[in-house]
Amino acid sequence: MGAERRQATRRRIIETAGRRFKRDGIDGSGIATLMTDAGLTNGAFYAHFASKDDLVATEVTNFLAS
């Protein structure tokens, strides 16, 4: 996977998670649901994040930086 494509996929996961977290809360948002929303597989998630907590930390950091 090229660096640009990898970055675009990561961004897609983060953006999808942000929408889902706002709608259903962090606890109400499972990885399988997030990845289905993003049109990706669960395996793709772990290519970008070590855990759901890692994704949450990334999303919170991005939110605070904006």
C-alpha atoms as a PDB file:
ATOM      1  CA  MET A   1       0.000   0.000   0.000  1.00  0.00           C
ATOM      2  CA  GLY A   2       1.434   3.369  -0.989  1.00  0.00           C
ATOM      3  CA  ALA A   3       2.024   6.006   1.662  1.00  0.00           C
ATOM      4  CA  GLU A   4      -0.659   8.318   0.262  1.00  0.00           C
ATOM      5  CA  ARG A   5      -3.250   5.552   0.121  1.00  0.00           C
ATOM      6  CA  ARG A   6      -2.340   4.401   3.625  1.00  0.00           C
ATOM      7  CA  GLN A   7      -2.722   7.964   4.940  1.00  0.00           C
ATOM      8  CA  ALA A   8      -6.066   8.380   3.137  1.00  0.00           C
ATOM      9  CA  THR A   9      -7.357   5.125   4.651  1.00  0.00           C
ATOM     10  CA  ARG A  10      -6.246   6.169   8.128  1.00  0.00           C
ATOM     11  CA  ARG A  11      -7.960   9.542   7.682  1.00  0.00           C
ATOM     12  CA  ARG A  12     -11.121   7.772   6.504  1.00  0.00           C
ATOM     13  CA  ILE A  13     -11.166   5.607   9.639  1.00  0.00           C
ATOM     14  CA  ILE A  14     -10.637   8.630  11.905  1.00  0.00           C
ATOM     15  CA  GLU A  15     -13.351  10.695  10.199  1.00  0.00           C
ATOM     16  CA  THR A  16     -15.808   7.796  10.300  1.00  0.00           C
ATOM     17  CA  ALA A  17     -15.035   7.192  13.966  1.00  0.00           C
ATOM     18  CA  GLY A  18     -15.584  10.856  14.791  1.00  0.00           C
ATOM     19  CA  ARG A  19     -19.053  10.785  13.265  1.00  0.00           C
ATOM     20  CA  ARG A  20     -19.957   7.495  14.951  1.00  0.00           C
ATOM     21  CA  PHE A  21     -18.579   8.587  18.347  1.00  0.00           C
ATOM     22  CA  LYS A  22     -20.675  11.760  18.203  1.00  0.00           C
ATOM     23  CA  ARG A  23     -23.783   9.795  17.290  1.00  0.00           C
ATOM     24  CA  ASP A  24     -23.488   6.670  19.467  1.00  0.00           C
ATOM     25  CA  GLY A  25     -20.767   7.532  21.982  1.00  0.00           C
ATOM     26  CA  ILE A  26     -17.434   5.795  22.307  1.00  0.00           C
ATOM     27  CA  ASP A  27     -18.813   2.785  24.194  1.00  0.00           C
ATOM     28  CA  GLY A  28     -21.621   2.389  21.659  1.00  0.00           C
ATOM     29  CA  SER A  29     -19.227   2.295  18.720  1.00  0.00           C
ATOM     30  CA  GLY A  30     -17.554  -1.043  18.057  1.00  0.00           C
ATOM     31  CA  ILE A  31     -14.678  -1.557  15.681  1.00  0.00           C
ATOM     32  CA  ALA A  32     -16.757  -3.781  13.380  1.00  0.00           C
ATOM     33  CA  THR A  33     -19.428  -1.073  13.049  1.00  0.00           C
ATOM     34  CA  LEU A  34     -16.855   1.672  12.470  1.00  0.00           C
ATOM     35  CA  MET A  35     -15.125  -0.327   9.782  1.00  0.00           C
ATOM     36  CA  THR A  36     -18.408  -1.226   8.073  1.00  0.00           C
ATOM     37  CA  ASP A  37     -19.298   2.475   8.057  1.00  0.00           C
ATOM     38  CA  ALA A  38     -15.901   3.221   6.487  1.00  0.00           C
ATOM     39  CA  GLY A  39     -16.341   0.434   3.917  1.00  0.00           C
ATOM     40  CA  LEU A  40     -13.256  -1.379   5.179  1.00  0.00           C
ATOM     41  CA  THR A  41     -12.448  -4.692   6.862  1.00  0.00           C
ATOM     42  CA  ASN A  42     -11.673  -5.172  10.534  1.00  0.00           C
ATOM     43  CA  GLY A  43      -8.170  -6.273   9.548  1.00  0.00           C
ATOM     44  CA  ALA A  44      -7.566  -2.882   7.959  1.00  0.00           C
ATOM     45  CA  PHE A  45      -8.239  -1.286  11.338  1.00  0.00           C
ATOM     46  CA  TYR A  46      -5.312  -3.053  12.958  1.00  0.00           C
ATOM     47  CA  ALA A  47      -2.981  -1.969  10.161  1.00  0.00           C
ATOM     48  CA  HIS A  48      -3.540   1.596  11.411  1.00  0.00           C
ATOM     49  CA  PHE A  49      -4.351   1.373  15.130  1.00  0.00           C
ATOM     50  CA  ALA A  50      -3.217  -0.917  17.927  1.00  0.00           C
ATOM     51  CA  SER A  51      -6.608  -0.774  19.648  1.00  0.00           C
ATOM     52  CA  LYS A  52      -9.871   1.124  19.902  1.00  0.00           C
ATOM     53  CA  ASP A  53      -8.258   3.169  22.684  1.00  0.00           C
ATOM     54  CA  ASP A  54      -5.521   4.170  20.235  1.00  0.00           C
ATOM     55  CA  LEU A  55      -8.182   5.357  17.766  1.00  0.00           C
ATOM     56  CA  VAL A  56     -10.050   7.256  20.487  1.00  0.00           C
ATOM     57  CA  ALA A  57      -6.830   8.998  21.585  1.00  0.00           C
ATOM     58  CA  THR A  58      -6.112   9.969  17.968  1.00  0.00           C
ATOM     59  CA  GLU A  59      -9.639  11.315  17.450  1.00  0.00           C
ATOM     60  CA  VAL A  60      -9.546  13.324  20.707  1.00  0.00           C
ATOM     61  CA  THR A  61      -6.127  14.756  19.794  1.00  0.00           C
ATOM     62  CA  ASN A  62      -7.369  15.750  16.337  1.00  0.00           C
ATOM     63  CA  PHE A  63     -10.510  17.304  17.801  1.00  0.00           C
ATOM     64  CA  LEU A  64      -8.522  19.361  20.314  1.00  0.00           C
ATOM     65  CA  ALA A  65      -6.063  20.495  17.643  1.00  0.00           C
ATOM     66  CA  SER A  66      -8.810  21.823  15.377  1.00  0.00           C
END
